[in-house]
Amino acid sequence: MSEIGLLACKVQTDADADPVEGYHITVGGGFGPDAALGREVYRDVVAKEVPRTVELILKAYLAHRGSREESFLAFARRHEIEALKAMAEREAAA
């Protein structure tokens, strides 16, 4: 239950290798008056790639928020998951 959530999992990177530590990344969760479960943006992200993935999500927020006053929560809830992923991918290419 967080604006950006990380759910630990094991990720299979190679059919012959043991699974490695990873995470499912969610956005838009909250509590209290903003109570909601986060929506999954990325699944099975290898742990070493998580910091960069979260950074790209935050860069997309800063580049595309409606105004300086728009919170990350409002931004994440305003966009569909595919739009959030597309914005993050554009940040990766920049």
PDB file of N, CA and C in Angstrom:
ATOM      1  N   MET A   1       0.834  -1.185   0.000  1.00  0.00           N
ATOM      2  CA  MET A   1       0.000   0.000   0.000  1.00  0.00           C
ATOM      3  C   MET A   1       0.870   1.236   0.000  1.00  0.00           C
ATOM      4  N   SER A   2       1.378   1.591  -1.147  1.00  0.00           N
ATOM      5  CA  SER A   2       2.289   2.705  -1.242  1.00  0.00           C
ATOM      6  C   SER A   2       2.162   3.330  -2.611  1.00  0.00           C
ATOM      7  N   GLU A   3       2.589   4.579  -2.714  1.00  0.00           N
ATOM      8  CA  GLU A   3       2.563   5.232  -4.015  1.00  0.00           C
ATOM      9  C   GLU A   3       3.407   4.469  -5.018  1.00  0.00           C
ATOM     10  N   ILE A   4       4.554   3.962  -4.561  1.00  0.00           N
ATOM     11  CA  ILE A   4       5.363   3.025  -5.345  1.00  0.00           C
ATOM     12  C   ILE A   4       5.611   1.830  -4.440  1.00  0.00           C
ATOM     13  N   GLY A   5       5.167   0.676  -4.868  1.00  0.00           N
ATOM     14  CA  GLY A   5       5.305  -0.522  -4.049  1.00  0.00           C
ATOM     15  C   GLY A   5       6.210  -1.548  -4.702  1.00  0.00           C
ATOM     16  N   LEU A   6       6.912  -2.303  -3.862  1.00  0.00           N
ATOM     17  CA  LEU A   6       7.781  -3.376  -4.329  1.00  0.00           C
ATOM     18  C   LEU A   6       7.360  -4.668  -3.649  1.00  0.00           C
ATOM     19  N   LEU A   7       6.971  -5.638  -4.439  1.00  0.00           N
ATOM     20  CA  LEU A   7       6.577  -6.943  -3.924  1.00  0.00           C
ATOM     21  C   LEU A   7       7.669  -7.939  -4.301  1.00  0.00           C
ATOM     22  N   ALA A   8       8.344  -8.494  -3.297  1.00  0.00           N
ATOM     23  CA  ALA A   8       9.457  -9.413  -3.539  1.00  0.00           C
ATOM     24  C   ALA A   8       8.978 -10.683  -4.230  1.00  0.00           C
ATOM     25  N   CYS A   9       9.816 -11.194  -5.126  1.00  0.00           N
ATOM     26  CA  CYS A   9       9.506 -12.428  -5.843  1.00  0.00           C
ATOM     27  C   CYS A   9      10.810 -13.062  -6.309  1.00  0.00           C
ATOM     28  N   LYS A  10      10.716 -14.207  -6.881  1.00  0.00           N
ATOM     29  CA  LYS A  10      11.858 -14.849  -7.534  1.00  0.00           C
ATOM     30  C   LYS A  10      11.647 -14.738  -9.034  1.00  0.00           C
ATOM     31  N   VAL A  11      12.708 -14.401  -9.750  1.00  0.00           N
ATOM     32  CA  VAL A  11      12.628 -14.192 -11.191  1.00  0.00           C
ATOM     33  C   VAL A  11      13.489 -15.226 -11.898  1.00  0.00           C
ATOM     34  N   GLN A  12      12.906 -15.885 -12.861  1.00  0.00           N
ATOM     35  CA  GLN A  12      13.622 -16.880 -13.655  1.00  0.00           C
ATOM     36  C   GLN A  12      14.252 -16.150 -14.836  1.00  0.00           C
ATOM     37  N   THR A  13      15.574 -15.992 -14.835  1.00  0.00           N
ATOM     38  CA  THR A  13      16.262 -15.267 -15.904  1.00  0.00           C
ATOM     39  C   THR A  13      16.748 -16.177 -17.020  1.00  0.00           C
ATOM     40  N   ASP A  14      16.890 -17.444 -16.707  1.00  0.00           N
ATOM     41  CA  ASP A  14      17.388 -18.418 -17.675  1.00  0.00           C
ATOM     42  C   ASP A  14      16.771 -19.767 -17.315  1.00  0.00           C
ATOM     43  N   ALA A  15      16.373 -20.518 -18.305  1.00  0.00           N
ATOM     44  CA  ALA A  15      15.712 -21.803 -18.063  1.00  0.00           C
ATOM     45  C   ALA A  15      16.578 -22.762 -17.259  1.00  0.00           C
ATOM     46  N   ASP A  16      17.893 -22.642 -17.386  1.00  0.00           N
ATOM     47  CA  ASP A  16      18.803 -23.557 -16.704  1.00  0.00           C
ATOM     48  C   ASP A  16      19.337 -23.017 -15.384  1.00  0.00           C
ATOM     49  N   ALA A  17      19.082 -21.746 -15.082  1.00  0.00           N
ATOM     50  CA  ALA A  17      19.637 -21.122 -13.881  1.00  0.00           C
ATOM     51  C   ALA A  17      18.598 -21.116 -12.752  1.00  0.00           C
ATOM     52  N   ASP A  18      19.098 -20.980 -11.539  1.00  0.00           N
ATOM     53  CA  ASP A  18      18.206 -20.821 -10.395  1.00  0.00           C
ATOM     54  C   ASP A  18      17.550 -19.448 -10.452  1.00  0.00           C
ATOM     55  N   PRO A  19      16.345 -19.324  -9.921  1.00  0.00           N
ATOM     56  CA  PRO A  19      15.705 -18.003  -9.876  1.00  0.00           C
ATOM     57  C   PRO A  19      16.527 -17.040  -9.026  1.00  0.00           C
ATOM     58  N   VAL A  20      16.420 -15.752  -9.356  1.00  0.00           N
ATOM     59  CA  VAL A  20      17.130 -14.708  -8.619  1.00  0.00           C
ATOM     60  C   VAL A  20      16.120 -13.789  -7.941  1.00  0.00           C
ATOM     61  N   GLU A  21      16.622 -12.977  -7.008  1.00  0.00           N
ATOM     62  CA  GLU A  21      15.767 -12.032  -6.309  1.00  0.00           C
ATOM     63  C   GLU A  21      15.218 -10.998  -7.287  1.00  0.00           C
ATOM     64  N   GLY A  22      13.949 -10.687  -7.131  1.00  0.00           N
ATOM     65  CA  GLY A  22      13.323  -9.696  -7.998  1.00  0.00           C
ATOM     66  C   GLY A  22      12.111  -9.086  -7.329  1.00  0.00           C
ATOM     67  N   TYR A  23      11.421  -8.246  -8.078  1.00  0.00           N
ATOM     68  CA  TYR A  23      10.263  -7.531  -7.540  1.00  0.00           C
ATOM     69  C   TYR A  23       9.226  -7.292  -8.627  1.00  0.00           C
ATOM     70  N   HIS A  24       7.975  -7.198  -8.191  1.00  0.00           N
ATOM     71  CA  HIS A  24       6.892  -6.657  -9.008  1.00  0.00           C
ATOM     72  C   HIS A  24       6.771  -5.213  -8.523  1.00  0.00           C
ATOM     73  N   ILE A  25       6.641  -4.260  -9.438  1.00  0.00           N
ATOM     74  CA  ILE A  25       6.562  -2.845  -9.077  1.00  0.00           C
ATOM     75  C   ILE A  25       5.145  -2.346  -9.314  1.00  0.00           C
ATOM     76  N   THR A  26       4.563  -1.739  -8.285  1.00  0.00           N
ATOM     77  CA  THR A  26       3.212  -1.198  -8.373  1.00  0.00           C
ATOM     78  C   THR A  26       3.241   0.312  -8.135  1.00  0.00           C
ATOM     79  N   VAL A  27       2.216   0.995  -8.621  1.00  0.00           N
ATOM     80  CA  VAL A  27       2.080   2.441  -8.391  1.00  0.00           C
ATOM     81  C   VAL A  27       0.628   2.754  -8.051  1.00  0.00           C
ATOM     82  N   GLY A  28       0.452   3.868  -7.360  1.00  0.00           N
ATOM     83  CA  GLY A  28      -0.892   4.374  -7.105  1.00  0.00           C
ATOM     84  C   GLY A  28      -1.582   3.852  -5.871  1.00  0.00           C
ATOM     85  N   GLY A  29      -0.869   3.141  -5.013  1.00  0.00           N
ATOM     86  CA  GLY A  29      -1.475   2.656  -3.776  1.00  0.00           C
ATOM     87  C   GLY A  29      -1.536   3.774  -2.744  1.00  0.00           C
ATOM     88  N   GLY A  30      -2.349   3.587  -1.740  1.00  0.00           N
ATOM     89  CA  GLY A  30      -2.446   4.598  -0.702  1.00  0.00           C
ATOM     90  C   GLY A  30      -3.169   4.055   0.515  1.00  0.00           C
ATOM     91  N   PHE A  31      -3.284   4.892   1.527  1.00  0.00           N
ATOM     92  CA  PHE A  31      -3.996   4.510   2.750  1.00  0.00           C
ATOM     93  C   PHE A  31      -4.762   5.720   3.250  1.00  0.00           C
ATOM     94  N   GLY A  32      -5.537   5.528   4.298  1.00  0.00           N
ATOM     95  CA  GLY A  32      -6.358   6.615   4.832  1.00  0.00           C
ATOM     96  C   GLY A  32      -7.376   7.063   3.797  1.00  0.00           C
ATOM     97  N   PRO A  33      -7.537   8.369   3.617  1.00  0.00           N
ATOM     98  CA  PRO A  33      -8.534   8.850   2.652  1.00  0.00           C
ATOM     99  C   PRO A  33      -8.183   8.493   1.204  1.00  0.00           C
ATOM    100  N   ASP A  34      -6.930   8.141   0.937  1.00  0.00           N
ATOM    101  CA  ASP A  34      -6.495   7.748  -0.401  1.00  0.00           C
ATOM    102  C   ASP A  34      -6.334   6.232  -0.534  1.00  0.00           C
ATOM    103  N   ALA A  35      -7.011   5.477   0.323  1.00  0.00           N
ATOM    104  CA  ALA A  35      -6.838   4.023   0.359  1.00  0.00           C
ATOM    105  C   ALA A  35      -7.119   3.378  -0.998  1.00  0.00           C
ATOM    106  N   ALA A  36      -6.168   2.587  -1.441  1.00  0.00           N
ATOM    107  CA  ALA A  36      -6.295   1.819  -2.686  1.00  0.00           C
ATOM    108  C   ALA A  36      -5.096   0.900  -2.797  1.00  0.00           C
ATOM    109  N   LEU A  37      -5.277  -0.183  -3.530  1.00  0.00           N
ATOM    110  CA  LEU A  37      -4.156  -1.054  -3.856  1.00  0.00           C
ATOM    111  C   LEU A  37      -3.437  -0.472  -5.059  1.00  0.00           C
ATOM    112  N   GLY A  38      -2.128  -0.621  -5.087  1.00  0.00           N
ATOM    113  CA  GLY A  38      -1.362  -0.174  -6.240  1.00  0.00           C
ATOM    114  C   GLY A  38      -1.633  -1.055  -7.444  1.00  0.00           C
ATOM    115  N   ARG A  39      -1.408  -0.500  -8.612  1.00  0.00           N
ATOM    116  CA  ARG A  39      -1.558  -1.249  -9.864  1.00  0.00           C
ATOM    117  C   ARG A  39      -0.172  -1.674 -10.347  1.00  0.00           C
ATOM    118  N   GLU A  40      -0.069  -2.893 -10.810  1.00  0.00           N
ATOM    119  CA  GLU A  40       1.223  -3.413 -11.254  1.00  0.00           C
ATOM    120  C   GLU A  40       1.655  -2.756 -12.562  1.00  0.00           C
ATOM    121  N   VAL A  41       2.842  -2.158 -12.526  1.00  0.00           N
ATOM    122  CA  VAL A  41       3.416  -1.545 -13.719  1.00  0.00           C
ATOM    123  C   VAL A  41       4.432  -2.499 -14.347  1.00  0.00           C
ATOM    124  N   TYR A  42       5.271  -3.085 -13.518  1.00  0.00           N
ATOM    125  CA  TYR A  42       6.294  -4.018 -13.996  1.00  0.00           C
ATOM    126  C   TYR A  42       6.254  -5.286 -13.159  1.00  0.00           C
ATOM    127  N   ARG A  43       6.477  -6.408 -13.833  1.00  0.00           N
ATOM    128  CA  ARG A  43       6.465  -7.719 -13.170  1.00  0.00           C
ATOM    129  C   ARG A  43       7.828  -8.381 -13.390  1.00  0.00           C
ATOM    130  N   ASP A  44       8.279  -9.078 -12.370  1.00  0.00           N
ATOM    131  CA  ASP A  44       9.518  -9.861 -12.480  1.00  0.00           C
ATOM    132  C   ASP A  44      10.736  -9.020 -12.878  1.00  0.00           C
ATOM    133  N   VAL A  45      10.947  -7.933 -12.171  1.00  0.00           N
ATOM    134  CA  VAL A  45      12.114  -7.080 -12.397  1.00  0.00           C
ATOM    135  C   VAL A  45      13.247  -7.607 -11.511  1.00  0.00           C
ATOM    136  N   VAL A  46      14.365  -7.943 -12.114  1.00  0.00           N
ATOM    137  CA  VAL A  46      15.533  -8.418 -11.366  1.00  0.00           C
ATOM    138  C   VAL A  46      15.953  -7.323 -10.384  1.00  0.00           C
ATOM    139  N   ALA A  47      16.307  -7.706  -9.165  1.00  0.00           N
ATOM    140  CA  ALA A  47      16.586  -6.760  -8.082  1.00  0.00           C
ATOM    141  C   ALA A  47      17.570  -5.664  -8.487  1.00  0.00           C
ATOM    142  N   LYS A  48      18.628  -6.007  -9.198  1.00  0.00           N
ATOM    143  CA  LYS A  48      19.633  -4.995  -9.549  1.00  0.00           C
ATOM    144  C   LYS A  48      19.095  -3.964 -10.536  1.00  0.00           C
ATOM    145  N   GLU A  49      17.968  -4.247 -11.208  1.00  0.00           N
ATOM    146  CA  GLU A  49      17.371  -3.314 -12.166  1.00  0.00           C
ATOM    147  C   GLU A  49      16.285  -2.439 -11.529  1.00  0.00           C
ATOM    148  N   VAL A  50      15.890  -2.749 -10.301  1.00  0.00           N
ATOM    149  CA  VAL A  50      14.797  -2.021  -9.646  1.00  0.00           C
ATOM    150  C   VAL A  50      15.119  -0.540  -9.418  1.00  0.00           C
ATOM    151  N   PRO A  51      16.293  -0.183  -8.891  1.00  0.00           N
ATOM    152  CA  PRO A  51      16.552   1.249  -8.682  1.00  0.00           C
ATOM    153  C   PRO A  51      16.416   2.066  -9.972  1.00  0.00           C
ATOM    154  N   ARG A  52      16.954   1.571 -11.058  1.00  0.00           N
ATOM    155  CA  ARG A  52      16.861   2.291 -12.345  1.00  0.00           C
ATOM    156  C   ARG A  52      15.413   2.357 -12.820  1.00  0.00           C
ATOM    157  N   THR A  53      14.660   1.300 -12.653  1.00  0.00           N
ATOM    158  CA  THR A  53      13.260   1.289 -13.071  1.00  0.00           C
ATOM    159  C   THR A  53      12.447   2.311 -12.284  1.00  0.00           C
ATOM    160  N   VAL A  54      12.646   2.362 -10.977  1.00  0.00           N
ATOM    161  CA  VAL A  54      11.947   3.345 -10.145  1.00  0.00           C
ATOM    162  C   VAL A  54      12.387   4.756 -10.536  1.00  0.00           C
ATOM    163  N   GLU A  55      13.668   4.933 -10.802  1.00  0.00           N
ATOM    164  CA  GLU A  55      14.161   6.248 -11.234  1.00  0.00           C
ATOM    165  C   GLU A  55      13.451   6.695 -12.514  1.00  0.00           C
ATOM    166  N   LEU A  56      13.271   5.797 -13.464  1.00  0.00           N
ATOM    167  CA  LEU A  56      12.604   6.146 -14.721  1.00  0.00           C
ATOM    168  C   LEU A  56      11.136   6.506 -14.496  1.00  0.00           C
ATOM    169  N   ILE A  57      10.488   5.807 -13.589  1.00  0.00           N
ATOM    170  CA  ILE A  57       9.096   6.132 -13.251  1.00  0.00           C
ATOM    171  C   ILE A  57       9.025   7.543 -12.675  1.00  0.00           C
ATOM    172  N   LEU A  58       9.938   7.860 -11.779  1.00  0.00           N
ATOM    173  CA  LEU A  58       9.947   9.186 -11.161  1.00  0.00           C
ATOM    174  C   LEU A  58      10.325  10.278 -12.166  1.00  0.00           C
ATOM    175  N   LYS A  59      11.238   9.994 -13.074  1.00  0.00           N
ATOM    176  CA  LYS A  59      11.584  10.965 -14.112  1.00  0.00           C
ATOM    177  C   LYS A  59      10.385  11.218 -15.023  1.00  0.00           C
ATOM    178  N   ALA A  60       9.633  10.157 -15.335  1.00  0.00           N
ATOM    179  CA  ALA A  60       8.423  10.315 -16.151  1.00  0.00           C
ATOM    180  C   ALA A  60       7.419  11.211 -15.430  1.00  0.00           C
ATOM    181  N   TYR A  61       7.285  11.017 -14.138  1.00  0.00           N
ATOM    182  CA  TYR A  61       6.398  11.867 -13.338  1.00  0.00           C
ATOM    183  C   TYR A  61       6.829  13.326 -13.423  1.00  0.00           C
ATOM    184  N   LEU A  62       8.094  13.595 -13.191  1.00  0.00           N
ATOM    185  CA  LEU A  62       8.584  14.982 -13.210  1.00  0.00           C
ATOM    186  C   LEU A  62       8.413  15.618 -14.588  1.00  0.00           C
ATOM    187  N   ALA A  63       8.584  14.845 -15.634  1.00  0.00           N
ATOM    188  CA  ALA A  63       8.488  15.378 -16.996  1.00  0.00           C
ATOM    189  C   ALA A  63       7.046  15.555 -17.469  1.00  0.00           C
ATOM    190  N   HIS A  64       6.108  14.791 -16.923  1.00  0.00           N
ATOM    191  CA  HIS A  64       4.758  14.757 -17.483  1.00  0.00           C
ATOM    192  C   HIS A  64       3.639  15.083 -16.496  1.00  0.00           C
ATOM    193  N   ARG A  65       3.974  15.509 -15.292  1.00  0.00           N
ATOM    194  CA  ARG A  65       2.914  15.837 -14.339  1.00  0.00           C
ATOM    195  C   ARG A  65       2.127  17.048 -14.854  1.00  0.00           C
ATOM    196  N   GLY A  66       0.877  17.121 -14.420  1.00  0.00           N
ATOM    197  CA  GLY A  66      -0.002  18.179 -14.888  1.00  0.00           C
ATOM    198  C   GLY A  66       0.418  19.557 -14.435  1.00  0.00           C
ATOM    199  N   SER A  67       1.017  19.643 -13.263  1.00  0.00           N
ATOM    200  CA  SER A  67       1.517  20.902 -12.710  1.00  0.00           C
ATOM    201  C   SER A  67       2.526  20.565 -11.621  1.00  0.00           C
ATOM    202  N   ARG A  68       3.206  21.575 -11.136  1.00  0.00           N
ATOM    203  CA  ARG A  68       4.165  21.338 -10.053  1.00  0.00           C
ATOM    204  C   ARG A  68       3.462  20.857  -8.794  1.00  0.00           C
ATOM    205  N   GLU A  69       2.176  21.147  -8.664  1.00  0.00           N
ATOM    206  CA  GLU A  69       1.422  20.755  -7.475  1.00  0.00           C
ATOM    207  C   GLU A  69       0.857  19.329  -7.559  1.00  0.00           C
ATOM    208  N   GLU A  70       0.882  18.725  -8.748  1.00  0.00           N
ATOM    209  CA  GLU A  70       0.319  17.375  -8.873  1.00  0.00           C
ATOM    210  C   GLU A  70       1.208  16.374  -8.146  1.00  0.00           C
ATOM    211  N   SER A  71       0.631  15.646  -7.217  1.00  0.00           N
ATOM    212  CA  SER A  71       1.380  14.635  -6.473  1.00  0.00           C
ATOM    213  C   SER A  71       1.658  13.420  -7.354  1.00  0.00           C
ATOM    214  N   PHE A  72       2.633  12.622  -6.931  1.00  0.00           N
ATOM    215  CA  PHE A  72       2.900  11.387  -7.672  1.00  0.00           C
ATOM    216  C   PHE A  72       1.662  10.498  -7.661  1.00  0.00           C
ATOM    217  N   LEU A  73       0.981  10.431  -6.530  1.00  0.00           N
ATOM    218  CA  LEU A  73      -0.218   9.597  -6.424  1.00  0.00           C
ATOM    219  C   LEU A  73      -1.260  10.024  -7.450  1.00  0.00           C
ATOM    220  N   ALA A  74      -1.532  11.305  -7.545  1.00  0.00           N
ATOM    221  CA  ALA A  74      -2.519  11.802  -8.515  1.00  0.00           C
ATOM    222  C   ALA A  74      -2.066  11.495  -9.940  1.00  0.00           C
ATOM    223  N   PHE A  75      -0.791  11.695 -10.209  1.00  0.00           N
ATOM    224  CA  PHE A  75      -0.229  11.414 -11.530  1.00  0.00           C
ATOM    225  C   PHE A  75      -0.407   9.932 -11.884  1.00  0.00           C
ATOM    226  N   ALA A  76      -0.021   9.056 -10.963  1.00  0.00           N
ATOM    227  CA  ALA A  76      -0.094   7.613 -11.216  1.00  0.00           C
ATOM    228  C   ALA A  76      -1.535   7.160 -11.440  1.00  0.00           C
ATOM    229  N   ARG A  77      -2.449   7.729 -10.700  1.00  0.00           N
ATOM    230  CA  ARG A  77      -3.859   7.339 -10.844  1.00  0.00           C
ATOM    231  C   ARG A  77      -4.508   7.940 -12.091  1.00  0.00           C
ATOM    232  N   ARG A  78      -3.964   9.019 -12.582  1.00  0.00           N
ATOM    233  CA  ARG A  78      -4.535   9.701 -13.750  1.00  0.00           C
ATOM    234  C   ARG A  78      -4.225   8.969 -15.058  1.00  0.00           C
ATOM    235  N   HIS A  79      -3.141   8.201 -15.067  1.00  0.00           N
ATOM    236  CA  HIS A  79      -2.700   7.538 -16.303  1.00  0.00           C
ATOM    237  C   HIS A  79      -2.943   6.032 -16.257  1.00  0.00           C
ATOM    238  N   GLU A  80      -3.226   5.476 -17.419  1.00  0.00           N
ATOM    239  CA  GLU A  80      -3.307   4.024 -17.571  1.00  0.00           C
ATOM    240  C   GLU A  80      -1.899   3.444 -17.454  1.00  0.00           C
ATOM    241  N   ILE A  81      -1.822   2.189 -17.090  1.00  0.00           N
ATOM    242  CA  ILE A  81      -0.524   1.520 -16.901  1.00  0.00           C
ATOM    243  C   ILE A  81       0.330   1.584 -18.166  1.00  0.00           C
ATOM    244  N   GLU A  82      -0.255   1.326 -19.305  1.00  0.00           N
ATOM    245  CA  GLU A  82       0.532   1.348 -20.545  1.00  0.00           C
ATOM    246  C   GLU A  82       1.102   2.737 -20.819  1.00  0.00           C
ATOM    247  N   ALA A  83       0.360   3.780 -20.482  1.00  0.00           N
ATOM    248  CA  ALA A  83       0.864   5.148 -20.666  1.00  0.00           C
ATOM    249  C   ALA A  83       2.027   5.416 -19.712  1.00  0.00           C
ATOM    250  N   LEU A  84       1.927   4.943 -18.478  1.00  0.00           N
ATOM    251  CA  LEU A  84       3.019   5.115 -17.512  1.00  0.00           C
ATOM    252  C   LEU A  84       4.276   4.406 -17.994  1.00  0.00           C
ATOM    253  N   LYS A  85       4.111   3.187 -18.492  1.00  0.00           N
ATOM    254  CA  LYS A  85       5.259   2.433 -18.992  1.00  0.00           C
ATOM    255  C   LYS A  85       5.891   3.132 -20.208  1.00  0.00           C
ATOM    256  N   ALA A  86       5.055   3.653 -21.096  1.00  0.00           N
ATOM    257  CA  ALA A  86       5.562   4.343 -22.286  1.00  0.00           C
ATOM    258  C   ALA A  86       6.354   5.583 -21.879  1.00  0.00           C
ATOM    259  N   MET A  87       5.856   6.339 -20.911  1.00  0.00           N
ATOM    260  CA  MET A  87       6.573   7.530 -20.459  1.00  0.00           C
ATOM    261  C   MET A  87       7.920   7.147 -19.845  1.00  0.00           C
ATOM    262  N   ALA A  88       7.944   6.073 -19.043  1.00  0.00           N
ATOM    263  CA  ALA A  88       9.188   5.627 -18.422  1.00  0.00           C
ATOM    264  C   ALA A  88      10.178   5.160 -19.495  1.00  0.00           C
ATOM    265  N   GLU A  89       9.685   4.474 -20.514  1.00  0.00           N
ATOM    266  CA  GLU A  89      10.561   4.010 -21.594  1.00  0.00           C
ATOM    267  C   GLU A  89      11.136   5.181 -22.387  1.00  0.00           C
ATOM    268  N   ARG A  90      10.352   6.242 -22.572  1.00  0.00           N
ATOM    269  CA  ARG A  90      10.876   7.439 -23.249  1.00  0.00           C
ATOM    270  C   ARG A  90      11.993   8.073 -22.410  1.00  0.00           C
ATOM    271  N   GLU A  91      11.843   8.050 -21.097  1.00  0.00           N
ATOM    272  CA  GLU A  91      12.886   8.592 -20.216  1.00  0.00           C
ATOM    273  C   GLU A  91      14.161   7.758 -20.330  1.00  0.00           C
ATOM    274  N   ALA A  92      14.010   6.449 -20.498  1.00  0.00           N
ATOM    275  CA  ALA A  92      15.184   5.562 -20.638  1.00  0.00           C
ATOM    276  C   ALA A  92      15.940   5.873 -21.924  1.00  0.00           C
ATOM    277  N   ALA A  93      15.208   6.263 -22.949  1.00  0.00           N
ATOM    278  CA  ALA A  93      15.830   6.549 -24.233  1.00  0.00           C
ATOM    279  C   ALA A  93      16.452   7.947 -24.293  1.00  0.00           C
ATOM    280  N   ALA A  94      16.050   8.797 -23.350  1.00  0.00           N
ATOM    281  CA  ALA A  94      16.547  10.197 -23.368  1.00  0.00           C
ATOM    282  C   ALA A  94      17.976  10.299 -22.890  1.00  0.00           C
TER     283      ALA A  94
END
